[in-house]
PDB file of N, CA and C in Angstrom:
ATOM      1  N   MET A   1       0.858  -1.160   0.000  1.00  0.00           N
ATOM      2  CA  MET A   1       0.000   0.000   0.000  1.00  0.00           C
ATOM      3  C   MET A   1       0.911   1.231   0.000  1.00  0.00           C
ATOM      4  N   PRO A   2       0.647   2.175  -0.852  1.00  0.00           N
ATOM      5  CA  PRO A   2       1.465   3.378  -0.872  1.00  0.00           C
ATOM      6  C   PRO A   2       1.276   4.181   0.412  1.00  0.00           C
ATOM      7  N   ALA A   3       2.284   4.971   0.718  1.00  0.00           N
ATOM      8  CA  ALA A   3       2.262   5.749   1.957  1.00  0.00           C
ATOM      9  C   ALA A   3       1.071   6.706   1.989  1.00  0.00           C
ATOM     10  N   GLY A   4       0.706   7.284   0.873  1.00  0.00           N
ATOM     11  CA  GLY A   4      -0.433   8.198   0.824  1.00  0.00           C
ATOM     12  C   GLY A   4      -1.736   7.506   1.173  1.00  0.00           C
ATOM     13  N   GLY A   5      -1.866   6.240   0.760  1.00  0.00           N
ATOM     14  CA  GLY A   5      -3.078   5.476   1.074  1.00  0.00           C
ATOM     15  C   GLY A   5      -3.195   5.201   2.561  1.00  0.00           C
ATOM     16  N   ALA A   6      -2.065   4.924   3.197  1.00  0.00           N
ATOM     17  CA  ALA A   6      -2.083   4.672   4.635  1.00  0.00           C
ATOM     18  C   ALA A   6      -2.485   5.927   5.389  1.00  0.00           C
ATOM     19  N   ILE A   7      -2.024   7.078   4.946  1.00  0.00           N
ATOM     20  CA  ILE A   7      -2.385   8.329   5.606  1.00  0.00           C
ATOM     21  C   ILE A   7      -3.864   8.617   5.423  1.00  0.00           C
ATOM     22  N   ALA A   8      -4.395   8.333   4.238  1.00  0.00           N
ATOM     23  CA  ALA A   8      -5.815   8.566   3.992  1.00  0.00           C
ATOM     24  C   ALA A   8      -6.666   7.681   4.898  1.00  0.00           C
ATOM     25  N   ILE A   9      -6.284   6.426   5.078  1.00  0.00           N
ATOM     26  CA  ILE A   9      -7.033   5.529   5.962  1.00  0.00           C
ATOM     27  C   ILE A   9      -6.951   6.033   7.394  1.00  0.00           C
ATOM     28  N   TRP A  10      -5.783   6.482   7.816  1.00  0.00           N
ATOM     29  CA  TRP A  10      -5.618   6.977   9.165  1.00  0.00           C
ATOM     30  C   TRP A  10      -6.519   8.183   9.407  1.00  0.00           C
ATOM     31  N   HIS A  11      -6.606   9.085   8.456  1.00  0.00           N
ATOM     32  CA  HIS A  11      -7.463  10.259   8.614  1.00  0.00           C
ATOM     33  C   HIS A  11      -8.934   9.878   8.671  1.00  0.00           C
ATOM     34  N   ARG A  12      -9.325   8.816   7.964  1.00  0.00           N
ATOM     35  CA  ARG A  12     -10.725   8.380   8.022  1.00  0.00           C
ATOM     36  C   ARG A  12     -11.039   7.744   9.361  1.00  0.00           C
ATOM     37  N   MET A  13     -10.046   7.146  10.022  1.00  0.00           N
ATOM     38  CA  MET A  13     -10.275   6.452  11.281  1.00  0.00           C
ATOM     39  C   MET A  13     -10.409   7.402  12.455  1.00  0.00           C
ATOM     40  N   THR A  14      -9.799   8.557  12.386  1.00  0.00           N
ATOM     41  CA  THR A  14      -9.774   9.436  13.539  1.00  0.00           C
ATOM     42  C   THR A  14     -10.542  10.717  13.278  1.00  0.00           C
ATOM     43  N   GLN A  15     -11.027  11.268  14.355  1.00  0.00           N
ATOM     44  CA  GLN A  15     -11.660  12.573  14.342  1.00  0.00           C
ATOM     45  C   GLN A  15     -10.893  13.427  15.340  1.00  0.00           C
ATOM     46  N   HIS A  16     -11.303  14.658  15.499  1.00  0.00           N
ATOM     47  CA  HIS A  16     -10.662  15.532  16.472  1.00  0.00           C
ATOM     48  C   HIS A  16     -10.869  14.968  17.871  1.00  0.00           C
ATOM     49  N   SER A  17      -9.790  14.786  18.608  1.00  0.00           N
ATOM     50  CA  SER A  17      -9.863  14.276  19.973  1.00  0.00           C
ATOM     51  C   SER A  17      -9.912  15.442  20.950  1.00  0.00           C
ATOM     52  N   PRO A  18     -10.729  15.358  21.990  1.00  0.00           N
ATOM     53  CA  PRO A  18     -10.727  16.411  23.004  1.00  0.00           C
ATOM     54  C   PRO A  18      -9.365  16.583  23.678  1.00  0.00           C
ATOM     55  N   LEU A  19      -8.549  15.525  23.682  1.00  0.00           N
ATOM     56  CA  LEU A  19      -7.227  15.634  24.294  1.00  0.00           C
ATOM     57  C   LEU A  19      -6.263  16.462  23.454  1.00  0.00           C
ATOM     58  N   ASP A  20      -6.662  16.849  22.239  1.00  0.00           N
ATOM     59  CA  ASP A  20      -5.838  17.743  21.430  1.00  0.00           C
ATOM     60  C   ASP A  20      -5.839  19.163  22.002  1.00  0.00           C
ATOM     61  N   ASP A  21      -6.862  19.504  22.765  1.00  0.00           N
ATOM     62  CA  ASP A  21      -6.943  20.816  23.411  1.00  0.00           C
ATOM     63  C   ASP A  21      -6.032  20.795  24.647  1.00  0.00           C
ATOM     64  N   PRO A  22      -5.013  21.652  24.712  1.00  0.00           N
ATOM     65  CA  PRO A  22      -4.065  21.615  25.837  1.00  0.00           C
ATOM     66  C   PRO A  22      -4.721  21.814  27.207  1.00  0.00           C
ATOM     67  N   ARG A  23      -5.773  22.616  27.267  1.00  0.00           N
ATOM     68  CA  ARG A  23      -6.451  22.859  28.544  1.00  0.00           C
ATOM     69  C   ARG A  23      -7.137  21.589  29.046  1.00  0.00           C
ATOM     70  N   ILE A  24      -7.835  20.908  28.150  1.00  0.00           N
ATOM     71  CA  ILE A  24      -8.519  19.659  28.519  1.00  0.00           C
ATOM     72  C   ILE A  24      -7.498  18.578  28.852  1.00  0.00           C
ATOM     73  N   ALA A  25      -6.432  18.497  28.068  1.00  0.00           N
ATOM     74  CA  ALA A  25      -5.402  17.492  28.314  1.00  0.00           C
ATOM     75  C   ALA A  25      -4.722  17.722  29.664  1.00  0.00           C
ATOM     76  N   ALA A  26      -4.426  18.977  29.995  1.00  0.00           N
ATOM     77  CA  ALA A  26      -3.784  19.274  31.276  1.00  0.00           C
ATOM     78  C   ALA A  26      -4.690  18.869  32.439  1.00  0.00           C
ATOM     79  N   HIS A  27      -5.986  19.162  32.310  1.00  0.00           N
ATOM     80  CA  HIS A  27      -6.937  18.777  33.363  1.00  0.00           C
ATOM     81  C   HIS A  27      -7.019  17.255  33.492  1.00  0.00           C
ATOM     82  N   ALA A  28      -7.082  16.556  32.355  1.00  0.00           N
ATOM     83  CA  ALA A  28      -7.208  15.095  32.375  1.00  0.00           C
ATOM     84  C   ALA A  28      -5.965  14.446  32.984  1.00  0.00           C
ATOM     85  N   TRP A  29      -4.786  14.919  32.598  1.00  0.00           N
ATOM     86  CA  TRP A  29      -3.553  14.329  33.137  1.00  0.00           C
ATOM     87  C   TRP A  29      -3.384  14.659  34.616  1.00  0.00           C
ATOM     88  N   ALA A  30      -3.828  15.829  35.049  1.00  0.00           N
ATOM     89  CA  ALA A  30      -3.770  16.164  36.477  1.00  0.00           C
ATOM     90  C   ALA A  30      -4.681  15.222  37.269  1.00  0.00           C
ATOM     91  N   ARG A  31      -5.852  14.946  36.730  1.00  0.00           N
ATOM     92  CA  ARG A  31      -6.772  14.010  37.373  1.00  0.00           C
ATOM     93  C   ARG A  31      -6.180  12.606  37.422  1.00  0.00           C
ATOM     94  N   PHE A  32      -5.527  12.191  36.333  1.00  0.00           N
ATOM     95  CA  PHE A  32      -4.882  10.874  36.281  1.00  0.00           C
ATOM     96  C   PHE A  32      -3.778  10.786  37.328  1.00  0.00           C
ATOM     97  N   LYS A  33      -2.954  11.828  37.431  1.00  0.00           N
ATOM     98  CA  LYS A  33      -1.862  11.815  38.412  1.00  0.00           C
ATOM     99  C   LYS A  33      -2.399  11.779  39.839  1.00  0.00           C
ATOM    100  N   ARG A  34      -3.489  12.505  40.101  1.00  0.00           N
ATOM    101  CA  ARG A  34      -4.101  12.483  41.429  1.00  0.00           C
ATOM    102  C   ARG A  34      -4.610  11.074  41.748  1.00  0.00           C
ATOM    103  N   LEU A  35      -5.231  10.425  40.769  1.00  0.00           N
ATOM    104  CA  LEU A  35      -5.706   9.060  40.956  1.00  0.00           C
ATOM    105  C   LEU A  35      -4.541   8.110  41.233  1.00  0.00           C
ATOM    106  N   MET A  36      -3.431   8.296  40.537  1.00  0.00           N
ATOM    107  CA  MET A  36      -2.266   7.431  40.737  1.00  0.00           C
ATOM    108  C   MET A  36      -1.651   7.631  42.123  1.00  0.00           C
ATOM    109  N   ARG A  37      -1.658   8.855  42.629  1.00  0.00           N
ATOM    110  CA  ARG A  37      -1.152   9.079  43.992  1.00  0.00           C
ATOM    111  C   ARG A  37      -2.026   8.351  45.012  1.00  0.00           C
ATOM    112  N   TRP A  38      -3.350   8.432  44.845  1.00  0.00           N
ATOM    113  CA  TRP A  38      -4.249   7.706  45.735  1.00  0.00           C
ATOM    114  C   TRP A  38      -4.021   6.196  45.647  1.00  0.00           C
ATOM    115  N   MET A  39      -3.876   5.712  44.427  1.00  0.00           N
ATOM    116  CA  MET A  39      -3.703   4.269  44.255  1.00  0.00           C
ATOM    117  C   MET A  39      -2.346   3.791  44.775  1.00  0.00           C
ATOM    118  N   PHE A  40      -1.332   4.646  44.727  1.00  0.00           N
ATOM    119  CA  PHE A  40      -0.051   4.278  45.317  1.00  0.00           C
ATOM    120  C   PHE A  40      -0.211   4.102  46.829  1.00  0.00           C
ATOM    121  N   GLY A  41      -0.971   4.993  47.456  1.00  0.00           N
ATOM    122  CA  GLY A  41      -1.238   4.859  48.887  1.00  0.00           C
ATOM    123  C   GLY A  41      -2.012   3.591  49.204  1.00  0.00           C
ATOM    124  N   VAL A  42      -3.021   3.286  48.397  1.00  0.00           N
ATOM    125  CA  VAL A  42      -3.784   2.050  48.588  1.00  0.00           C
ATOM    126  C   VAL A  42      -2.880   0.831  48.398  1.00  0.00           C
ATOM    127  N   THR A  43      -2.000   0.895  47.402  1.00  0.00           N
ATOM    128  CA  THR A  43      -1.070  -0.214  47.158  1.00  0.00           C
ATOM    129  C   THR A  43      -0.164  -0.422  48.358  1.00  0.00           C
ATOM    130  N   LEU A  44       0.349   0.652  48.935  1.00  0.00           N
ATOM    131  CA  LEU A  44       1.199   0.518  50.126  1.00  0.00           C
ATOM    132  C   LEU A  44       0.435  -0.145  51.268  1.00  0.00           C
ATOM    133  N   LEU A  45      -0.823   0.249  51.461  1.00  0.00           N
ATOM    134  CA  LEU A  45      -1.626  -0.368  52.513  1.00  0.00           C
ATOM    135  C   LEU A  45      -1.854  -1.854  52.251  1.00  0.00           C
ATOM    136  N   VAL A  46      -2.113  -2.211  51.008  1.00  0.00           N
ATOM    137  CA  VAL A  46      -2.333  -3.620  50.657  1.00  0.00           C
ATOM    138  C   VAL A  46      -1.055  -4.427  50.881  1.00  0.00           C
ATOM    139  N   VAL A  47       0.083  -3.891  50.453  1.00  0.00           N
ATOM    140  CA  VAL A  47       1.361  -4.595  50.637  1.00  0.00           C
ATOM    141  C   VAL A  47       1.661  -4.754  52.120  1.00  0.00           C
ATOM    142  N   LEU A  48       1.481  -3.691  52.895  1.00  0.00           N
ATOM    143  CA  LEU A  48       1.720  -3.792  54.343  1.00  0.00           C
ATOM    144  C   LEU A  48       0.769  -4.791  54.991  1.00  0.00           C
ATOM    145  N   GLY A  49      -0.474  -4.846  54.525  1.00  0.00           N
ATOM    146  CA  GLY A  49      -1.421  -5.826  55.039  1.00  0.00           C
ATOM    147  C   GLY A  49      -0.986  -7.254  54.756  1.00  0.00           C
ATOM    148  N   PHE A  50      -0.490  -7.493  53.551  1.00  0.00           N
ATOM    149  CA  PHE A  50      -0.005  -8.833  53.220  1.00  0.00           C
ATOM    150  C   PHE A  50       1.231  -9.187  54.039  1.00  0.00           C
ATOM    151  N   MET A  51       2.109  -8.222  54.240  1.00  0.00           N
ATOM    152  CA  MET A  51       3.307  -8.482  55.050  1.00  0.00           C
ATOM    153  C   MET A  51       2.908  -8.815  56.487  1.00  0.00           C
ATOM    154  N   ALA A  52       1.943  -8.069  57.040  1.00  0.00           N
ATOM    155  CA  ALA A  52       1.476  -8.341  58.400  1.00  0.00           C
ATOM    156  C   ALA A  52       0.813  -9.712  58.484  1.00  0.00           C
ATOM    157  N   LEU A  53       0.052 -10.069  57.466  1.00  0.00           N
ATOM    158  CA  LEU A  53      -0.600 -11.380  57.447  1.00  0.00           C
ATOM    159  C   LEU A  53       0.427 -12.505  57.428  1.00  0.00           C
ATOM    160  N   ILE A  54       1.439 -12.367  56.598  1.00  0.00           N
ATOM    161  CA  ILE A  54       2.483 -13.408  56.523  1.00  0.00           C
ATOM    162  C   ILE A  54       3.235 -13.493  57.850  1.00  0.00           C
ATOM    163  N   TYR A  55       3.564 -12.344  58.431  1.00  0.00           N
ATOM    164  CA  TYR A  55       4.310 -12.323  59.687  1.00  0.00           C
ATOM    165  C   TYR A  55       3.489 -12.908  60.831  1.00  0.00           C
ATOM    166  N   SER A  56       2.160 -12.640  60.825  1.00  0.00           N
ATOM    167  CA  SER A  56       1.305 -13.103  61.923  1.00  0.00           C
ATOM    168  C   SER A  56       1.115 -14.617  61.927  1.00  0.00           C
ATOM    169  N   ARG A  57       1.383 -15.272  60.818  1.00  0.00           N
ATOM    170  CA  ARG A  57       1.242 -16.724  60.753  1.00  0.00           C
ATOM    171  C   ARG A  57       2.292 -17.434  61.605  1.00  0.00           C
ATOM    172  N   GLY A  58       3.385 -16.748  61.902  1.00  0.00           N
ATOM    173  CA  GLY A  58       4.394 -17.330  62.783  1.00  0.00           C
ATOM    174  C   GLY A  58       5.332 -18.320  62.119  1.00  0.00           C
ATOM    175  N   GLU A  59       5.151 -18.582  60.847  1.00  0.00           N
ATOM    176  CA  GLU A  59       6.037 -19.509  60.145  1.00  0.00           C
ATOM    177  C   GLU A  59       7.360 -18.818  59.838  1.00  0.00           C
ATOM    178  N   PRO A  60       8.465 -19.499  60.032  1.00  0.00           N
ATOM    179  CA  PRO A  60       9.754 -18.889  59.680  1.00  0.00           C
ATOM    180  C   PRO A  60       9.938 -18.891  58.149  1.00  0.00           C
ATOM    181  N   VAL A  61       9.961 -17.695  57.581  1.00  0.00           N
ATOM    182  CA  VAL A  61      10.169 -17.569  56.138  1.00  0.00           C
ATOM    183  C   VAL A  61      11.358 -16.661  55.894  1.00  0.00           C
ATOM    184  N   SER A  62      11.945 -16.808  54.744  1.00  0.00           N
ATOM    185  CA  SER A  62      13.111 -16.026  54.362  1.00  0.00           C
ATOM    186  C   SER A  62      12.719 -14.576  54.065  1.00  0.00           C
ATOM    187  N   ILE A  63      13.672 -13.677  54.217  1.00  0.00           N
ATOM    188  CA  ILE A  63      13.454 -12.270  53.855  1.00  0.00           C
ATOM    189  C   ILE A  63      13.148 -12.158  52.367  1.00  0.00           C
ATOM    190  N   HIS A  64      13.663 -13.089  51.594  1.00  0.00           N
ATOM    191  CA  HIS A  64      13.417 -13.088  50.145  1.00  0.00           C
ATOM    192  C   HIS A  64      11.938 -13.325  49.835  1.00  0.00           C
ATOM    193  N   PHE A  65      11.285 -14.099  50.682  1.00  0.00           N
ATOM    194  CA  PHE A  65       9.856 -14.332  50.505  1.00  0.00           C
ATOM    195  C   PHE A  65       9.072 -13.037  50.705  1.00  0.00           C
ATOM    196  N   TYR A  66       9.450 -12.272  51.742  1.00  0.00           N
ATOM    197  CA  TYR A  66       8.805 -10.981  51.986  1.00  0.00           C
ATOM    198  C   TYR A  66       9.042 -10.018  50.822  1.00  0.00           C
ATOM    199  N   ILE A  67      10.268  -9.975  50.339  1.00  0.00           N
ATOM    200  CA  ILE A  67      10.605  -9.077  49.225  1.00  0.00           C
ATOM    201  C   ILE A  67       9.824  -9.459  47.971  1.00  0.00           C
ATOM    202  N   ALA A  68       9.806 -10.753  47.661  1.00  0.00           N
ATOM    203  CA  ALA A  68       9.101 -11.213  46.461  1.00  0.00           C
ATOM    204  C   ALA A  68       7.599 -10.948  46.571  1.00  0.00           C
ATOM    205  N   THR A  69       7.038 -11.178  47.739  1.00  0.00           N
ATOM    206  CA  THR A  69       5.607 -10.932  47.935  1.00  0.00           C
ATOM    207  C   THR A  69       5.285  -9.447  47.797  1.00  0.00           C
ATOM    208  N   ALA A  70       6.103  -8.612  48.432  1.00  0.00           N
ATOM    209  CA  ALA A  70       5.868  -7.167  48.361  1.00  0.00           C
ATOM    210  C   ALA A  70       5.984  -6.667  46.925  1.00  0.00           C
ATOM    211  N   LEU A  71       7.002  -7.111  46.207  1.00  0.00           N
ATOM    212  CA  LEU A  71       7.166  -6.676  44.817  1.00  0.00           C
ATOM    213  C   LEU A  71       6.047  -7.205  43.926  1.00  0.00           C
ATOM    214  N   GLY A  72       5.670  -8.468  44.102  1.00  0.00           N
ATOM    215  CA  GLY A  72       4.619  -9.058  43.275  1.00  0.00           C
ATOM    216  C   GLY A  72       3.272  -8.400  43.495  1.00  0.00           C
ATOM    217  N   VAL A  73       2.886  -8.250  44.753  1.00  0.00           N
ATOM    218  CA  VAL A  73       1.597  -7.629  45.060  1.00  0.00           C
ATOM    219  C   VAL A  73       1.620  -6.155  44.659  1.00  0.00           C
ATOM    220  N   GLY A  74       2.715  -5.473  44.953  1.00  0.00           N
ATOM    221  CA  GLY A  74       2.819  -4.055  44.613  1.00  0.00           C
ATOM    222  C   GLY A  74       2.789  -3.817  43.117  1.00  0.00           C
ATOM    223  N   PHE A  75       3.547  -4.614  42.358  1.00  0.00           N
ATOM    224  CA  PHE A  75       3.577  -4.446  40.907  1.00  0.00           C
ATOM    225  C   PHE A  75       2.212  -4.746  40.294  1.00  0.00           C
ATOM    226  N   ALA A  76       1.587  -5.838  40.718  1.00  0.00           N
ATOM    227  CA  ALA A  76       0.286  -6.211  40.158  1.00  0.00           C
ATOM    228  C   ALA A  76      -0.773  -5.151  40.461  1.00  0.00           C
ATOM    229  N   THR A  77      -0.772  -4.638  41.679  1.00  0.00           N
ATOM    230  CA  THR A  77      -1.764  -3.626  42.054  1.00  0.00           C
ATOM    231  C   THR A  77      -1.533  -2.315  41.301  1.00  0.00           C
ATOM    232  N   MET A  78      -0.275  -1.897  41.168  1.00  0.00           N
ATOM    233  CA  MET A  78       0.004  -0.652  40.450  1.00  0.00           C
ATOM    234  C   MET A  78      -0.260  -0.807  38.955  1.00  0.00           C
ATOM    235  N   LEU A  79       0.043  -1.961  38.381  1.00  0.00           N
ATOM    236  CA  LEU A  79      -0.256  -2.195  36.968  1.00  0.00           C
ATOM    237  C   LEU A  79      -1.755  -2.102  36.715  1.00  0.00           C
ATOM    238  N   MET A  80      -2.541  -2.736  37.574  1.00  0.00           N
ATOM    239  CA  MET A  80      -3.997  -2.651  37.449  1.00  0.00           C
ATOM    240  C   MET A  80      -4.468  -1.205  37.583  1.00  0.00           C
ATOM    241  N   SER A  81      -3.877  -0.477  38.516  1.00  0.00           N
ATOM    242  CA  SER A  81      -4.268   0.919  38.737  1.00  0.00           C
ATOM    243  C   SER A  81      -3.961   1.793  37.529  1.00  0.00           C
ATOM    244  N   VAL A  82      -2.785   1.625  36.952  1.00  0.00           N
ATOM    245  CA  VAL A  82      -2.399   2.437  35.794  1.00  0.00           C
ATOM    246  C   VAL A  82      -3.295   2.127  34.596  1.00  0.00           C
ATOM    247  N   LEU A  83      -3.530   0.850  34.341  1.00  0.00           N
ATOM    248  CA  LEU A  83      -4.359   0.488  33.189  1.00  0.00           C
ATOM    249  C   LEU A  83      -5.793   0.971  33.351  1.00  0.00           C
ATOM    250  N   MET A  84      -6.368   0.800  34.531  1.00  0.00           N
ATOM    251  CA  MET A  84      -7.727   1.286  34.748  1.00  0.00           C
ATOM    252  C   MET A  84      -7.769   2.814  34.735  1.00  0.00           C
ATOM    253  N   GLY A  85      -6.731   3.452  35.245  1.00  0.00           N
ATOM    254  CA  GLY A  85      -6.664   4.905  35.197  1.00  0.00           C
ATOM    255  C   GLY A  85      -6.641   5.433  33.775  1.00  0.00           C
ATOM    256  N   LEU A  86      -5.907   4.742  32.897  1.00  0.00           N
ATOM    257  CA  LEU A  86      -5.881   5.149  31.490  1.00  0.00           C
ATOM    258  C   LEU A  86      -7.233   4.936  30.821  1.00  0.00           C
ATOM    259  N   VAL A  87      -7.946   3.881  31.216  1.00  0.00           N
ATOM    260  CA  VAL A  87      -9.300   3.667  30.687  1.00  0.00           C
ATOM    261  C   VAL A  87     -10.205   4.812  31.128  1.00  0.00           C
ATOM    262  N   PHE A  88     -10.122   5.196  32.401  1.00  0.00           N
ATOM    263  CA  PHE A  88     -10.937   6.303  32.895  1.00  0.00           C
ATOM    264  C   PHE A  88     -10.564   7.606  32.202  1.00  0.00           C
ATOM    265  N   LEU A  89      -9.273   7.837  31.982  1.00  0.00           N
ATOM    266  CA  LEU A  89      -8.819   9.048  31.304  1.00  0.00           C
ATOM    267  C   LEU A  89      -9.369   9.103  29.892  1.00  0.00           C
ATOM    268  N   SER A  90      -9.253   8.005  29.165  1.00  0.00           N
ATOM    269  CA  SER A  90      -9.705   7.953  27.779  1.00  0.00           C
ATOM    270  C   SER A  90     -11.214   8.125  27.675  1.00  0.00           C
ATOM    271  N   SER A  91     -11.939   7.448  28.533  1.00  0.00           N
ATOM    272  CA  SER A  91     -13.395   7.519  28.485  1.00  0.00           C
ATOM    273  C   SER A  91     -13.912   8.858  28.995  1.00  0.00           C
ATOM    274  N   GLY A  92     -13.310   9.361  30.067  1.00  0.00           N
ATOM    275  CA  GLY A  92     -13.785  10.589  30.685  1.00  0.00           C
ATOM    276  C   GLY A  92     -13.576  11.835  29.844  1.00  0.00           C
ATOM    277  N   THR A  93     -12.595  11.821  28.955  1.00  0.00           N
ATOM    278  CA  THR A  93     -12.325  12.997  28.135  1.00  0.00           C
ATOM    279  C   THR A  93     -13.013  12.939  26.784  1.00  0.00           C
ATOM    280  N   GLY A  94     -13.629  11.820  26.438  1.00  0.00           N
ATOM    281  CA  GLY A  94     -14.261  11.687  25.133  1.00  0.00           C
ATOM    282  C   GLY A  94     -13.303  11.226  24.054  1.00  0.00           C
ATOM    283  N   HIS A  95     -12.104  10.831  24.460  1.00  0.00           N
ATOM    284  CA  HIS A  95     -11.108  10.380  23.487  1.00  0.00           C
ATOM    285  C   HIS A  95     -11.571   9.096  22.785  1.00  0.00           C
ATOM    286  N   ASP A  96     -12.285   8.235  23.507  1.00  0.00           N
ATOM    287  CA  ASP A  96     -12.776   6.990  22.910  1.00  0.00           C
ATOM    288  C   ASP A  96     -13.719   7.264  21.751  1.00  0.00           C
ATOM    289  N   GLU A  97     -14.556   8.277  21.889  1.00  0.00           N
ATOM    290  CA  GLU A  97     -15.543   8.574  20.858  1.00  0.00           C
ATOM    291  C   GLU A  97     -14.923   9.202  19.619  1.00  0.00           C
ATOM    292  N   SER A  98     -13.663   9.627  19.696  1.00  0.00           N
ATOM    293  CA  SER A  98     -13.041  10.288  18.548  1.00  0.00           C
ATOM    294  C   SER A  98     -12.517   9.294  17.518  1.00  0.00           C
ATOM    295  N   VAL A  99     -12.587   8.008  17.817  1.00  0.00           N
ATOM    296  CA  VAL A  99     -12.136   6.986  16.873  1.00  0.00           C
ATOM    297  C   VAL A  99     -13.367   6.332  16.260  1.00  0.00           C
ATOM    298  N   ALA A 100     -13.473   6.380  14.949  1.00  0.00           N
ATOM    299  CA  ALA A 100     -14.605   5.781  14.242  1.00  0.00           C
ATOM    300  C   ALA A 100     -14.119   4.547  13.493  1.00  0.00           C
ATOM    301  N   GLU A 101     -15.049   3.733  13.073  1.00  0.00           N
ATOM    302  CA  GLU A 101     -14.691   2.541  12.317  1.00  0.00           C
ATOM    303  C   GLU A 101     -14.358   2.903  10.880  1.00  0.00           C
ATOM    304  N   LEU A 102     -13.654   2.009  10.188  1.00  0.00           N
ATOM    305  CA  LEU A 102     -13.231   2.253   8.816  1.00  0.00           C
ATOM    306  C   LEU A 102     -14.393   2.359   7.833  1.00  0.00           C
ATOM    307  N   ASP A 103     -15.529   1.769   8.151  1.00  0.00           N
ATOM    308  CA  ASP A 103     -16.642   1.794   7.207  1.00  0.00           C
ATOM    309  C   ASP A 103     -17.381   3.129   7.192  1.00  0.00           C
ATOM    310  N   GLY A 104     -16.885   4.088   7.948  1.00  0.00           N
ATOM    311  CA  GLY A 104     -17.472   5.422   7.937  1.00  0.00           C
ATOM    312  C   GLY A 104     -18.542   5.633   8.976  1.00  0.00           C
ATOM    313  N   ALA A 105     -18.796   4.646   9.824  1.00  0.00           N
ATOM    314  CA  ALA A 105     -19.824   4.793  10.846  1.00  0.00           C
ATOM    315  C   ALA A 105     -19.369   5.806  11.882  1.00  0.00           C
ATOM    316  N   GLN A 106     -20.300   6.620  12.333  1.00  0.00           N
ATOM    317  CA  GLN A 106     -20.013   7.609  13.360  1.00  0.00           C
ATOM    318  C   GLN A 106     -20.338   6.999  14.722  1.00  0.00           C
ATOM    319  N   PRO A 107     -19.662   7.473  15.772  1.00  0.00           N
ATOM    320  CA  PRO A 107     -19.964   6.959  17.100  1.00  0.00           C
ATOM    321  C   PRO A 107     -21.424   7.226  17.460  1.00  0.00           C
ATOM    322  N   SER A 108     -22.015   6.280  18.153  1.00  0.00           N
ATOM    323  CA  SER A 108     -23.419   6.373  18.518  1.00  0.00           C
ATOM    324  C   SER A 108     -23.580   7.035  19.874  1.00  0.00           C
ATOM    325  N   ASP A 109     -24.684   7.765  20.046  1.00  0.00           N
ATOM    326  CA  ASP A 109     -25.004   8.350  21.339  1.00  0.00           C
ATOM    327  C   ASP A 109     -25.822   7.382  22.193  1.00  0.00           C
ATOM    328  N   GLU A 110     -26.250   6.276  21.594  1.00  0.00           N
ATOM    329  CA  GLU A 110     -27.072   5.325  22.305  1.00  0.00           C
ATOM    330  C   GLU A 110     -26.196   4.379  23.116  1.00  0.00           C
ATOM    331  N   PRO A 111     -26.637   4.020  24.334  1.00  0.00           N
ATOM    332  CA  PRO A 111     -25.869   3.058  25.132  1.00  0.00           C
ATOM    333  C   PRO A 111     -25.925   1.691  24.469  1.00  0.00           C
ATOM    334  N   GLY A 112     -24.912   0.930  24.680  1.00  0.00           N
ATOM    335  CA  GLY A 112     -24.875  -0.419  24.116  1.00  0.00           C
ATOM    336  C   GLY A 112     -23.464  -0.944  24.110  1.00  0.00           C
ATOM    337  N   ASP A 113     -23.271  -2.000  23.364  1.00  0.00           N
ATOM    338  CA  ASP A 113     -21.959  -2.625  23.331  1.00  0.00           C
ATOM    339  C   ASP A 113     -21.059  -2.075  22.222  1.00  0.00           C
ATOM    340  N   GLY A 114     -21.511  -1.074  21.483  1.00  0.00           N
ATOM    341  CA  GLY A 114     -20.679  -0.430  20.475  1.00  0.00           C
ATOM    342  C   GLY A 114     -20.738  -1.051  19.111  1.00  0.00           C
ATOM    343  N   ARG A 115     -21.474  -2.143  18.950  1.00  0.00           N
ATOM    344  CA  ARG A 115     -21.569  -2.782  17.631  1.00  0.00           C
ATOM    345  C   ARG A 115     -22.696  -2.148  16.826  1.00  0.00           C
ATOM    346  N   ASN A 116     -22.475  -2.000  15.535  1.00  0.00           N
ATOM    347  CA  ASN A 116     -23.534  -1.497  14.649  1.00  0.00           C
ATOM    348  C   ASN A 116     -24.498  -2.624  14.330  1.00  0.00           C
ATOM    349  N   ARG A 117     -25.772  -2.369  14.420  1.00  0.00           N
ATOM    350  CA  ARG A 117     -26.767  -3.423  14.148  1.00  0.00           C
ATOM    351  C   ARG A 117     -27.723  -2.914  13.105  1.00  0.00           C
TER     352      ARG A 117
END
């Protein structure tokens, strides 16, 4: 496919995104960062809770077990937080609605699963 054809398809797929406006983008990213700070605090509480639970069992375990548990739980919780935060950012700003299908269909205002029927 020639390069010009790829650009034409790309232009048909996208519309103006609200995140193109610097004011809206700054507000959205500030909200995302605030959410991430809260989720980092929640992650710390969850990790500390797991560490306390393991310690309260009274079983002798290696320090490596504590480190691996803290890193595993912390990484998994923060990964989930970042991915869900990006979903909220994309949906909350209207960025999702700025992408249309290749067949020329416009985004629908009706609730549903997003499929054209």
